[in-house]
Amino acid sequence: MSTTPSHPALDPAHALARLPELTVVDVRTPGEYASGHLPGAHNIPLDSLDRALPALRAAHGELLLVCASGARAENARAVLAGHGIPAATLTGGTRGWAARGHELHRPRGGSRAAWAMERQVRFTAGTVVLAGLALGQLHPAWLLLSAGVAGGLVYSALTDTCGMAALLAKLPHNRPRATDLDATLAALAAPGSARG
């Protein structure tokens, strides 16, 4: 890939205008991707990025990284920059894109619908906190479970990382099928792959 992004972040209006020349890479989980993604976006979950480096390096057109809100896309941009692969991110992610009335594509038939990662984290954290509080009625030591989740959430906010999301991303419903990822990587490396 020979182009260097003129802007590290593109707002939805500029991204829409430039969509035909961009290679859009959605770094969310397959379930999140299936719930709606930018037209022509390729799905490469954040934790599969290392495997995708050769295909991303060979992709045609400027890379635009997308996630739900922009945080994971920025993490992906930093990883790619560390490997000498320039990329831009979409300001506001797919939420910002949809909020401006731009179209989201959804796979036809049999798509796996999943909650957004942020929603999965909130559900899991809330469940663990409630379990810790309930079990704390049996023995006070269980309250440490709730305290641990609270501490993890504070750390997550301060560092803009999320260990719980990284763990949840490993669950089967959040993992790409190997054949899906292989097909995506092959499409990215193919000539004329600016839009998939």
N, C-alpha and C. Protein backbone atom coordinates (compact mmCIF):
# COMPACT_ATOMS: atom_id res chain seq x y z
N MET A 1 0.85 -1.17 0.00
CA MET A 1 0.00 0.00 0.00
C MET A 1 0.88 1.22 0.00
N SER A 2 0.66 2.14 -0.90
CA SER A 2 1.58 3.24 -1.07
C SER A 2 1.03 4.58 -0.62
N THR A 3 -0.24 4.69 -0.36
CA THR A 3 -0.80 5.99 0.01
C THR A 3 -0.66 6.25 1.49
N THR A 4 -0.52 7.51 1.83
CA THR A 4 -0.47 7.91 3.23
C THR A 4 -1.71 8.72 3.50
N PRO A 5 -2.44 8.42 4.57
CA PRO A 5 -3.65 9.18 4.84
C PRO A 5 -3.35 10.65 5.02
N SER A 6 -4.15 11.49 4.39
CA SER A 6 -3.96 12.92 4.54
C SER A 6 -4.48 13.38 5.90
N HIS A 7 -5.36 12.61 6.51
CA HIS A 7 -5.91 12.93 7.83
C HIS A 7 -5.93 11.64 8.64
N PRO A 8 -5.49 11.68 9.91
CA PRO A 8 -5.55 10.46 10.71
C PRO A 8 -6.98 10.04 11.03
N ALA A 9 -7.93 10.96 10.93
CA ALA A 9 -9.34 10.64 11.17
C ALA A 9 -10.19 11.35 10.12
N LEU A 10 -11.20 10.63 9.63
CA LEU A 10 -12.14 11.20 8.67
C LEU A 10 -13.50 11.27 9.32
N ASP A 11 -14.19 12.40 9.19
CA ASP A 11 -15.55 12.46 9.69
C ASP A 11 -16.46 11.74 8.69
N PRO A 12 -17.67 11.36 9.10
CA PRO A 12 -18.54 10.59 8.22
C PRO A 12 -18.81 11.24 6.86
N ALA A 13 -18.95 12.55 6.80
CA ALA A 13 -19.23 13.21 5.53
C ALA A 13 -18.06 13.05 4.56
N HIS A 14 -16.84 13.26 5.05
CA HIS A 14 -15.67 13.10 4.19
C HIS A 14 -15.47 11.63 3.81
N ALA A 15 -15.71 10.73 4.76
CA ALA A 15 -15.56 9.31 4.46
C ALA A 15 -16.57 8.88 3.40
N LEU A 16 -17.80 9.37 3.49
CA LEU A 16 -18.82 9.03 2.49
C LEU A 16 -18.40 9.50 1.10
N ALA A 17 -17.89 10.71 1.02
CA ALA A 17 -17.47 11.25 -0.27
C ALA A 17 -16.29 10.47 -0.86
N ARG A 18 -15.45 9.93 0.00
CA ARG A 18 -14.26 9.23 -0.46
C ARG A 18 -14.41 7.71 -0.45
N LEU A 19 -15.58 7.21 -0.10
CA LEU A 19 -15.78 5.77 0.06
C LEU A 19 -15.29 4.93 -1.12
N PRO A 20 -15.52 5.34 -2.37
CA PRO A 20 -15.06 4.51 -3.49
C PRO A 20 -13.55 4.30 -3.55
N GLU A 21 -12.79 5.22 -2.99
CA GLU A 21 -11.33 5.10 -3.06
C GLU A 21 -10.72 4.51 -1.79
N LEU A 22 -11.54 4.24 -0.80
CA LEU A 22 -11.05 3.74 0.49
C LEU A 22 -11.18 2.21 0.57
N THR A 23 -10.27 1.61 1.32
CA THR A 23 -10.42 0.22 1.72
C THR A 23 -10.85 0.28 3.18
N VAL A 24 -12.11 -0.05 3.43
CA VAL A 24 -12.68 0.06 4.77
C VAL A 24 -12.50 -1.27 5.50
N VAL A 25 -11.92 -1.19 6.70
CA VAL A 25 -11.69 -2.37 7.52
C VAL A 25 -12.41 -2.17 8.85
N ASP A 26 -13.39 -3.01 9.11
CA ASP A 26 -14.17 -2.97 10.35
C ASP A 26 -13.51 -3.91 11.34
N VAL A 27 -13.03 -3.37 12.46
CA VAL A 27 -12.27 -4.17 13.42
C VAL A 27 -13.13 -4.71 14.57
N ARG A 28 -14.45 -4.63 14.43
CA ARG A 28 -15.34 -5.18 15.46
C ARG A 28 -15.44 -6.69 15.31
N THR A 29 -16.12 -7.32 16.24
CA THR A 29 -16.33 -8.76 16.17
C THR A 29 -17.27 -9.09 15.02
N PRO A 30 -17.25 -10.33 14.53
CA PRO A 30 -18.15 -10.70 13.43
C PRO A 30 -19.62 -10.46 13.73
N GLY A 31 -20.04 -10.70 14.96
CA GLY A 31 -21.43 -10.46 15.32
C GLY A 31 -21.79 -8.99 15.23
N GLU A 32 -20.91 -8.13 15.71
CA GLU A 32 -21.14 -6.70 15.62
C GLU A 32 -21.15 -6.25 14.16
N TYR A 33 -20.22 -6.77 13.38
CA TYR A 33 -20.15 -6.46 11.95
C TYR A 33 -21.45 -6.85 11.25
N ALA A 34 -21.98 -8.03 11.59
CA ALA A 34 -23.22 -8.51 10.97
C ALA A 34 -24.41 -7.63 11.33
N SER A 35 -24.33 -6.92 12.45
CA SER A 35 -25.45 -6.08 12.86
C SER A 35 -25.54 -4.80 12.04
N GLY A 36 -24.54 -4.50 11.24
CA GLY A 36 -24.54 -3.34 10.37
C GLY A 36 -23.16 -2.75 10.23
N HIS A 37 -22.70 -2.59 8.98
CA HIS A 37 -21.36 -2.07 8.73
C HIS A 37 -21.37 -1.13 7.53
N LEU A 38 -20.31 -0.37 7.38
CA LEU A 38 -20.19 0.54 6.24
C LEU A 38 -20.21 -0.26 4.95
N PRO A 39 -20.78 0.32 3.90
CA PRO A 39 -20.79 -0.37 2.60
C PRO A 39 -19.37 -0.74 2.17
N GLY A 40 -19.20 -1.98 1.77
CA GLY A 40 -17.91 -2.46 1.29
C GLY A 40 -16.88 -2.77 2.34
N ALA A 41 -17.24 -2.68 3.62
CA ALA A 41 -16.26 -2.91 4.68
C ALA A 41 -15.85 -4.38 4.75
N HIS A 42 -14.57 -4.58 5.03
CA HIS A 42 -14.02 -5.91 5.27
C HIS A 42 -13.95 -6.10 6.78
N ASN A 43 -14.29 -7.28 7.28
CA ASN A 43 -14.28 -7.52 8.72
C ASN A 43 -13.00 -8.24 9.13
N ILE A 44 -12.16 -7.53 9.88
CA ILE A 44 -10.97 -8.12 10.48
C ILE A 44 -10.99 -7.71 11.95
N PRO A 45 -11.44 -8.60 12.84
CA PRO A 45 -11.49 -8.24 14.26
C PRO A 45 -10.13 -7.79 14.78
N LEU A 46 -10.15 -6.88 15.72
CA LEU A 46 -8.94 -6.29 16.27
C LEU A 46 -7.93 -7.35 16.68
N ASP A 47 -8.39 -8.44 17.30
CA ASP A 47 -7.42 -9.44 17.75
C ASP A 47 -6.90 -10.33 16.63
N SER A 48 -7.37 -10.13 15.40
CA SER A 48 -6.85 -10.86 14.24
C SER A 48 -5.95 -9.97 13.38
N LEU A 49 -5.67 -8.78 13.84
CA LEU A 49 -4.94 -7.80 13.04
C LEU A 49 -3.53 -8.28 12.67
N ASP A 50 -2.84 -8.91 13.61
CA ASP A 50 -1.47 -9.37 13.31
C ASP A 50 -1.47 -10.34 12.14
N ARG A 51 -2.42 -11.23 12.10
CA ARG A 51 -2.52 -12.20 11.00
C ARG A 51 -2.81 -11.49 9.67
N ALA A 52 -3.48 -10.36 9.74
CA ALA A 52 -3.90 -9.64 8.54
C ALA A 52 -2.86 -8.66 8.00
N LEU A 53 -1.75 -8.47 8.69
CA LEU A 53 -0.78 -7.46 8.28
C LEU A 53 -0.33 -7.57 6.83
N PRO A 54 0.02 -8.77 6.33
CA PRO A 54 0.43 -8.83 4.91
C PRO A 54 -0.68 -8.39 3.95
N ALA A 55 -1.90 -8.80 4.22
CA ALA A 55 -3.02 -8.42 3.34
C ALA A 55 -3.29 -6.92 3.44
N LEU A 56 -3.19 -6.36 4.62
CA LEU A 56 -3.43 -4.93 4.79
C LEU A 56 -2.33 -4.12 4.11
N ARG A 57 -1.12 -4.62 4.17
CA ARG A 57 -0.01 -3.95 3.50
C ARG A 57 -0.22 -3.96 1.98
N ALA A 58 -0.83 -5.03 1.45
CA ALA A 58 -1.05 -5.17 0.01
C ALA A 58 -2.35 -4.53 -0.47
N ALA A 59 -3.19 -4.10 0.45
CA ALA A 59 -4.50 -3.55 0.06
C ALA A 59 -4.33 -2.31 -0.79
N HIS A 60 -5.28 -2.11 -1.68
CA HIS A 60 -5.25 -0.97 -2.60
C HIS A 60 -6.12 0.14 -2.04
N GLY A 61 -5.65 1.34 -2.13
CA GLY A 61 -6.41 2.47 -1.61
C GLY A 61 -6.07 2.72 -0.16
N GLU A 62 -6.42 3.90 0.29
CA GLU A 62 -6.17 4.29 1.68
C GLU A 62 -7.02 3.44 2.62
N LEU A 63 -6.42 2.98 3.71
CA LEU A 63 -7.15 2.20 4.70
C LEU A 63 -7.95 3.13 5.61
N LEU A 64 -9.21 2.77 5.83
CA LEU A 64 -10.07 3.46 6.80
C LEU A 64 -10.51 2.42 7.81
N LEU A 65 -10.11 2.60 9.06
CA LEU A 65 -10.44 1.66 10.13
C LEU A 65 -11.68 2.12 10.85
N VAL A 66 -12.58 1.16 11.12
CA VAL A 66 -13.88 1.48 11.70
C VAL A 66 -14.19 0.51 12.83
N CYS A 67 -14.84 1.01 13.86
CA CYS A 67 -15.41 0.17 14.91
C CYS A 67 -16.73 0.84 15.33
N ALA A 68 -17.24 0.50 16.50
CA ALA A 68 -18.52 1.06 16.93
C ALA A 68 -18.42 2.55 17.22
N SER A 69 -17.39 2.96 17.97
CA SER A 69 -17.30 4.36 18.39
C SER A 69 -16.01 5.04 17.98
N GLY A 70 -14.99 4.28 17.65
CA GLY A 70 -13.70 4.84 17.24
C GLY A 70 -12.53 4.39 18.09
N ALA A 71 -12.78 3.89 19.31
CA ALA A 71 -11.69 3.52 20.22
C ALA A 71 -10.90 2.31 19.69
N ARG A 72 -11.59 1.24 19.30
CA ARG A 72 -10.87 0.06 18.79
C ARG A 72 -10.19 0.38 17.46
N ALA A 73 -10.81 1.21 16.64
CA ALA A 73 -10.20 1.59 15.37
C ALA A 73 -8.91 2.37 15.63
N GLU A 74 -8.89 3.22 16.63
CA GLU A 74 -7.68 3.95 16.98
C GLU A 74 -6.60 3.00 17.48
N ASN A 75 -6.99 1.99 18.27
CA ASN A 75 -6.02 0.98 18.71
C ASN A 75 -5.45 0.24 17.50
N ALA A 76 -6.30 -0.10 16.54
CA ALA A 76 -5.86 -0.79 15.33
C ALA A 76 -4.93 0.11 14.52
N ARG A 77 -5.26 1.40 14.43
CA ARG A 77 -4.41 2.35 13.70
C ARG A 77 -3.01 2.39 14.30
N ALA A 78 -2.94 2.40 15.64
CA ALA A 78 -1.64 2.43 16.31
C ALA A 78 -0.84 1.15 16.02
N VAL A 79 -1.51 0.01 16.01
CA VAL A 79 -0.83 -1.26 15.69
C VAL A 79 -0.29 -1.21 14.27
N LEU A 80 -1.12 -0.78 13.33
CA LEU A 80 -0.69 -0.72 11.93
C LEU A 80 0.45 0.29 11.76
N ALA A 81 0.36 1.43 12.42
CA ALA A 81 1.43 2.43 12.34
C ALA A 81 2.74 1.85 12.83
N GLY A 82 2.68 1.02 13.86
CA GLY A 82 3.88 0.37 14.38
C GLY A 82 4.51 -0.58 13.38
N HIS A 83 3.73 -1.01 12.40
CA HIS A 83 4.23 -1.90 11.35
C HIS A 83 4.41 -1.15 10.02
N GLY A 84 4.38 0.18 10.09
CA GLY A 84 4.60 0.99 8.90
C GLY A 84 3.45 1.00 7.91
N ILE A 85 2.24 0.69 8.37
CA ILE A 85 1.06 0.68 7.50
C ILE A 85 0.19 1.87 7.88
N PRO A 86 0.11 2.88 7.02
CA PRO A 86 -0.70 4.05 7.35
C PRO A 86 -2.20 3.75 7.22
N ALA A 87 -2.96 4.39 8.08
CA ALA A 87 -4.42 4.21 8.05
C ALA A 87 -5.07 5.42 8.72
N ALA A 88 -6.32 5.64 8.38
CA ALA A 88 -7.14 6.67 9.02
C ALA A 88 -8.25 5.96 9.79
N THR A 89 -8.90 6.69 10.67
CA THR A 89 -10.04 6.15 11.41
C THR A 89 -11.28 6.98 11.10
N LEU A 90 -12.44 6.38 11.35
CA LEU A 90 -13.71 7.08 11.14
C LEU A 90 -14.15 7.71 12.46
N THR A 91 -14.25 9.02 12.47
CA THR A 91 -14.69 9.73 13.67
C THR A 91 -16.09 9.28 14.06
N GLY A 92 -16.24 8.84 15.30
CA GLY A 92 -17.55 8.41 15.79
C GLY A 92 -17.93 6.99 15.41
N GLY A 93 -17.11 6.32 14.60
CA GLY A 93 -17.37 4.93 14.23
C GLY A 93 -18.69 4.72 13.51
N THR A 94 -19.17 3.48 13.53
CA THR A 94 -20.43 3.19 12.84
C THR A 94 -21.60 3.90 13.49
N ARG A 95 -21.51 4.17 14.79
CA ARG A 95 -22.59 4.92 15.45
C ARG A 95 -22.69 6.32 14.87
N GLY A 96 -21.55 6.98 14.72
CA GLY A 96 -21.53 8.32 14.15
C GLY A 96 -21.99 8.32 12.70
N TRP A 97 -21.60 7.28 11.97
CA TRP A 97 -22.00 7.11 10.56
C TRP A 97 -23.52 7.00 10.47
N ALA A 98 -24.10 6.11 11.26
CA ALA A 98 -25.55 5.88 11.23
C ALA A 98 -26.31 7.10 11.76
N ALA A 99 -25.75 7.80 12.76
CA ALA A 99 -26.42 8.97 13.32
C ALA A 99 -26.57 10.09 12.29
N ARG A 100 -25.72 10.09 11.29
CA ARG A 100 -25.81 11.10 10.23
C ARG A 100 -26.66 10.61 9.07
N GLY A 101 -27.33 9.48 9.27
CA GLY A 101 -28.26 8.97 8.27
C GLY A 101 -27.63 8.19 7.13
N HIS A 102 -26.35 7.85 7.27
CA HIS A 102 -25.68 7.07 6.23
C HIS A 102 -26.05 5.60 6.35
N GLU A 103 -26.05 4.93 5.23
CA GLU A 103 -26.49 3.54 5.14
C GLU A 103 -25.50 2.58 5.80
N LEU A 104 -26.05 1.58 6.49
CA LEU A 104 -25.28 0.46 7.00
C LEU A 104 -25.73 -0.79 6.26
N HIS A 105 -24.80 -1.62 5.87
CA HIS A 105 -25.12 -2.88 5.20
C HIS A 105 -25.19 -4.00 6.22
N ARG A 106 -26.06 -4.95 5.95
CA ARG A 106 -26.20 -6.15 6.79
C ARG A 106 -26.19 -7.35 5.87
N PRO A 107 -25.47 -8.42 6.27
CA PRO A 107 -25.47 -9.63 5.43
C PRO A 107 -26.88 -10.19 5.30
N ARG A 108 -27.16 -10.79 4.15
CA ARG A 108 -28.47 -11.40 3.93
C ARG A 108 -28.52 -12.79 4.52
N GLY A 109 -29.65 -13.12 5.12
CA GLY A 109 -29.93 -14.48 5.59
C GLY A 109 -28.88 -15.07 6.50
N GLY A 110 -29.30 -15.64 7.57
CA GLY A 110 -28.44 -16.40 8.46
C GLY A 110 -27.34 -15.61 9.13
N SER A 111 -27.44 -14.29 9.17
CA SER A 111 -26.38 -13.52 9.81
C SER A 111 -26.45 -13.70 11.32
N ARG A 112 -25.29 -13.65 11.91
CA ARG A 112 -25.21 -13.79 13.35
C ARG A 112 -25.40 -12.41 13.98
N ALA A 113 -26.48 -12.24 14.69
CA ALA A 113 -26.70 -10.97 15.37
C ALA A 113 -26.11 -11.07 16.77
N ALA A 114 -25.37 -10.08 17.15
CA ALA A 114 -24.76 -10.08 18.48
C ALA A 114 -24.83 -8.68 19.04
N TRP A 115 -24.73 -8.61 20.32
CA TRP A 115 -24.68 -7.31 20.97
C TRP A 115 -23.35 -6.65 20.65
N ALA A 116 -23.37 -5.33 20.66
CA ALA A 116 -22.12 -4.58 20.53
C ALA A 116 -21.23 -4.93 21.71
N MET A 117 -19.92 -4.85 21.51
CA MET A 117 -18.98 -5.23 22.58
C MET A 117 -19.21 -4.39 23.83
N GLU A 118 -19.49 -3.12 23.67
CA GLU A 118 -19.74 -2.27 24.84
C GLU A 118 -20.92 -2.81 25.65
N ARG A 119 -21.96 -3.25 24.96
CA ARG A 119 -23.13 -3.79 25.65
C ARG A 119 -22.79 -5.11 26.33
N GLN A 120 -21.99 -5.95 25.68
CA GLN A 120 -21.56 -7.21 26.28
C GLN A 120 -20.75 -6.95 27.56
N VAL A 121 -19.88 -5.93 27.52
CA VAL A 121 -19.07 -5.60 28.69
C VAL A 121 -19.97 -5.11 29.82
N ARG A 122 -20.91 -4.21 29.51
CA ARG A 122 -21.81 -3.71 30.56
C ARG A 122 -22.60 -4.85 31.19
N PHE A 123 -23.12 -5.76 30.36
CA PHE A 123 -23.89 -6.89 30.88
C PHE A 123 -23.04 -7.78 31.77
N THR A 124 -21.85 -8.12 31.30
CA THR A 124 -20.97 -9.01 32.06
C THR A 124 -20.53 -8.36 33.36
N ALA A 125 -20.12 -7.08 33.29
CA ALA A 125 -19.69 -6.39 34.50
C ALA A 125 -20.83 -6.30 35.51
N GLY A 126 -22.00 -5.94 35.04
CA GLY A 126 -23.16 -5.84 35.95
C GLY A 126 -23.51 -7.18 36.57
N THR A 127 -23.46 -8.25 35.78
CA THR A 127 -23.77 -9.59 36.29
C THR A 127 -22.76 -10.01 37.35
N VAL A 128 -21.47 -9.76 37.09
CA VAL A 128 -20.44 -10.15 38.06
C VAL A 128 -20.57 -9.32 39.34
N VAL A 129 -20.85 -8.03 39.21
CA VAL A 129 -21.02 -7.19 40.40
C VAL A 129 -22.21 -7.68 41.23
N LEU A 130 -23.34 -7.95 40.57
CA LEU A 130 -24.52 -8.45 41.31
C LEU A 130 -24.24 -9.79 41.96
N ALA A 131 -23.52 -10.68 41.25
CA ALA A 131 -23.17 -11.98 41.83
C ALA A 131 -22.29 -11.80 43.06
N GLY A 132 -21.31 -10.88 42.96
CA GLY A 132 -20.44 -10.62 44.11
C GLY A 132 -21.21 -10.08 45.31
N LEU A 133 -22.17 -9.18 45.03
CA LEU A 133 -22.99 -8.64 46.13
C LEU A 133 -23.88 -9.71 46.75
N ALA A 134 -24.49 -10.55 45.91
CA ALA A 134 -25.36 -11.61 46.42
C ALA A 134 -24.56 -12.63 47.22
N LEU A 135 -23.41 -13.05 46.67
CA LEU A 135 -22.59 -14.03 47.37
C LEU A 135 -21.95 -13.43 48.62
N GLY A 136 -21.80 -12.09 48.62
CA GLY A 136 -21.27 -11.41 49.79
C GLY A 136 -22.17 -11.55 51.01
N GLN A 137 -23.45 -11.89 50.77
CA GLN A 137 -24.36 -12.15 51.88
C GLN A 137 -24.00 -13.45 52.59
N LEU A 138 -23.40 -14.37 51.83
CA LEU A 138 -22.98 -15.65 52.40
C LEU A 138 -21.63 -15.53 53.10
N HIS A 139 -20.72 -14.81 52.45
CA HIS A 139 -19.40 -14.60 53.04
C HIS A 139 -18.85 -13.28 52.51
N PRO A 140 -18.38 -12.41 53.39
CA PRO A 140 -17.94 -11.08 52.98
C PRO A 140 -16.80 -11.09 51.94
N ALA A 141 -16.04 -12.16 51.87
CA ALA A 141 -14.93 -12.21 50.92
C ALA A 141 -15.42 -12.10 49.47
N TRP A 142 -16.65 -12.53 49.22
CA TRP A 142 -17.20 -12.46 47.86
C TRP A 142 -17.38 -11.03 47.38
N LEU A 143 -17.44 -10.08 48.31
CA LEU A 143 -17.57 -8.68 47.93
C LEU A 143 -16.34 -8.19 47.15
N LEU A 144 -15.22 -8.90 47.33
CA LEU A 144 -14.02 -8.55 46.57
C LEU A 144 -14.23 -8.73 45.07
N LEU A 145 -15.12 -9.63 44.68
CA LEU A 145 -15.44 -9.83 43.27
C LEU A 145 -16.02 -8.53 42.68
N SER A 146 -16.97 -7.95 43.40
CA SER A 146 -17.56 -6.69 42.95
C SER A 146 -16.53 -5.57 42.96
N ALA A 147 -15.70 -5.53 43.99
CA ALA A 147 -14.67 -4.50 44.07
C ALA A 147 -13.67 -4.65 42.93
N GLY A 148 -13.34 -5.88 42.56
CA GLY A 148 -12.41 -6.12 41.45
C GLY A 148 -12.96 -5.60 40.13
N VAL A 149 -14.24 -5.84 39.89
CA VAL A 149 -14.86 -5.34 38.65
C VAL A 149 -14.87 -3.82 38.66
N ALA A 150 -15.22 -3.22 39.81
CA ALA A 150 -15.22 -1.76 39.90
C ALA A 150 -13.83 -1.20 39.61
N GLY A 151 -12.81 -1.80 40.20
CA GLY A 151 -11.43 -1.37 39.95
C GLY A 151 -11.05 -1.53 38.48
N GLY A 152 -11.48 -2.63 37.88
CA GLY A 152 -11.20 -2.87 36.46
C GLY A 152 -11.86 -1.83 35.58
N LEU A 153 -13.07 -1.42 35.92
CA LEU A 153 -13.77 -0.40 35.13
C LEU A 153 -13.08 0.96 35.25
N VAL A 154 -12.61 1.28 36.44
CA VAL A 154 -11.87 2.54 36.63
C VAL A 154 -10.58 2.50 35.81
N TYR A 155 -9.85 1.39 35.91
CA TYR A 155 -8.61 1.25 35.14
C TYR A 155 -8.89 1.35 33.64
N SER A 156 -9.97 0.72 33.21
CA SER A 156 -10.36 0.75 31.80
C SER A 156 -10.62 2.18 31.34
N ALA A 157 -11.29 2.96 32.15
CA ALA A 157 -11.57 4.35 31.78
C ALA A 157 -10.30 5.19 31.75
N LEU A 158 -9.40 4.97 32.71
CA LEU A 158 -8.17 5.76 32.77
C LEU A 158 -7.20 5.45 31.64
N THR A 159 -7.17 4.19 31.21
CA THR A 159 -6.21 3.78 30.18
C THR A 159 -6.83 3.67 28.79
N ASP A 160 -8.14 3.81 28.69
CA ASP A 160 -8.87 3.64 27.44
C ASP A 160 -8.60 2.27 26.82
N THR A 161 -8.53 1.28 27.69
CA THR A 161 -8.41 -0.12 27.28
C THR A 161 -9.50 -0.90 27.99
N CYS A 162 -9.72 -2.13 27.59
CA CYS A 162 -10.72 -2.91 28.29
C CYS A 162 -10.35 -4.39 28.25
N GLY A 163 -9.84 -4.85 29.38
CA GLY A 163 -9.47 -6.26 29.50
C GLY A 163 -10.66 -7.18 29.37
N MET A 164 -11.82 -6.76 29.89
CA MET A 164 -13.01 -7.59 29.80
C MET A 164 -13.44 -7.74 28.34
N ALA A 165 -13.35 -6.67 27.56
CA ALA A 165 -13.70 -6.75 26.14
C ALA A 165 -12.75 -7.69 25.41
N ALA A 166 -11.46 -7.64 25.78
CA ALA A 166 -10.49 -8.54 25.16
C ALA A 166 -10.84 -9.99 25.46
N LEU A 167 -11.27 -10.27 26.68
CA LEU A 167 -11.67 -11.64 27.03
C LEU A 167 -12.96 -12.04 26.32
N LEU A 168 -13.94 -11.15 26.30
CA LEU A 168 -15.21 -11.46 25.64
C LEU A 168 -15.03 -11.66 24.14
N ALA A 169 -14.07 -10.98 23.55
CA ALA A 169 -13.82 -11.12 22.11
C ALA A 169 -13.37 -12.53 21.75
N LYS A 170 -12.89 -13.29 22.73
CA LYS A 170 -12.42 -14.66 22.49
C LYS A 170 -13.57 -15.68 22.51
N LEU A 171 -14.76 -15.27 22.93
CA LEU A 171 -15.89 -16.20 22.96
C LEU A 171 -16.28 -16.59 21.53
N PRO A 172 -16.80 -17.81 21.34
CA PRO A 172 -17.10 -18.29 19.98
C PRO A 172 -18.00 -17.37 19.16
N HIS A 173 -19.00 -16.76 19.77
CA HIS A 173 -19.90 -15.91 18.98
C HIS A 173 -19.24 -14.60 18.55
N ASN A 174 -18.11 -14.28 19.14
CA ASN A 174 -17.38 -13.07 18.76
C ASN A 174 -16.19 -13.35 17.86
N ARG A 175 -15.96 -14.60 17.51
CA ARG A 175 -14.80 -14.99 16.70
C ARG A 175 -15.21 -15.19 15.25
N PRO A 176 -14.34 -14.79 14.32
CA PRO A 176 -14.66 -15.05 12.91
C PRO A 176 -14.44 -16.53 12.60
N ARG A 177 -15.24 -17.05 11.68
CA ARG A 177 -14.95 -18.39 11.19
C ARG A 177 -13.68 -18.28 10.37
N ALA A 178 -12.81 -19.28 10.47
CA ALA A 178 -11.52 -19.23 9.77
C ALA A 178 -11.71 -19.00 8.28
N THR A 179 -12.73 -19.62 7.70
CA THR A 179 -12.95 -19.45 6.26
C THR A 179 -13.37 -18.02 5.93
N ASP A 180 -14.13 -17.38 6.82
CA ASP A 180 -14.53 -15.99 6.60
C ASP A 180 -13.32 -15.07 6.61
N LEU A 181 -12.44 -15.25 7.60
CA LEU A 181 -11.26 -14.40 7.70
C LEU A 181 -10.33 -14.66 6.53
N ASP A 182 -10.13 -15.91 6.14
CA ASP A 182 -9.28 -16.22 4.98
C ASP A 182 -9.81 -15.55 3.72
N ALA A 183 -11.13 -15.59 3.51
CA ALA A 183 -11.73 -14.97 2.33
C ALA A 183 -11.54 -13.45 2.37
N THR A 184 -11.67 -12.86 3.53
CA THR A 184 -11.47 -11.41 3.67
C THR A 184 -10.03 -11.03 3.34
N LEU A 185 -9.08 -11.79 3.87
CA LEU A 185 -7.67 -11.48 3.63
C LEU A 185 -7.32 -11.65 2.15
N ALA A 186 -7.88 -12.67 1.52
CA ALA A 186 -7.64 -12.88 0.09
C ALA A 186 -8.24 -11.73 -0.72
N ALA A 187 -9.42 -11.27 -0.35
CA ALA A 187 -10.06 -10.16 -1.06
C ALA A 187 -9.26 -8.87 -0.91
N LEU A 188 -8.70 -8.65 0.26
CA LEU A 188 -7.90 -7.44 0.47
C LEU A 188 -6.64 -7.42 -0.38
N ALA A 189 -6.02 -8.58 -0.53
CA ALA A 189 -4.77 -8.66 -1.27
C ALA A 189 -4.99 -8.72 -2.78
N ALA A 190 -6.23 -8.94 -3.22
CA ALA A 190 -6.53 -9.06 -4.65
C ALA A 190 -6.44 -7.68 -5.32
N PRO A 191 -6.05 -7.64 -6.60
CA PRO A 191 -6.01 -6.36 -7.31
C PRO A 191 -7.40 -5.70 -7.33
N GLY A 192 -7.41 -4.39 -7.18
CA GLY A 192 -8.66 -3.65 -7.22
C GLY A 192 -9.53 -3.87 -6.01
N SER A 193 -8.93 -4.05 -4.83
CA SER A 193 -9.73 -4.40 -3.64
C SER A 193 -10.13 -3.19 -2.82
N ALA A 194 -10.14 -2.03 -3.38
CA ALA A 194 -10.46 -0.83 -2.59
C ALA A 194 -11.83 -0.92 -1.94
N ARG A 195 -12.78 -1.64 -2.56
CA ARG A 195 -14.07 -1.86 -1.92
C ARG A 195 -14.43 -3.30 -2.08
N GLY A 196 -14.93 -3.94 -0.96
CA GLY A 196 -15.20 -5.36 -0.98
C GLY A 196 -16.63 -5.70 -1.09
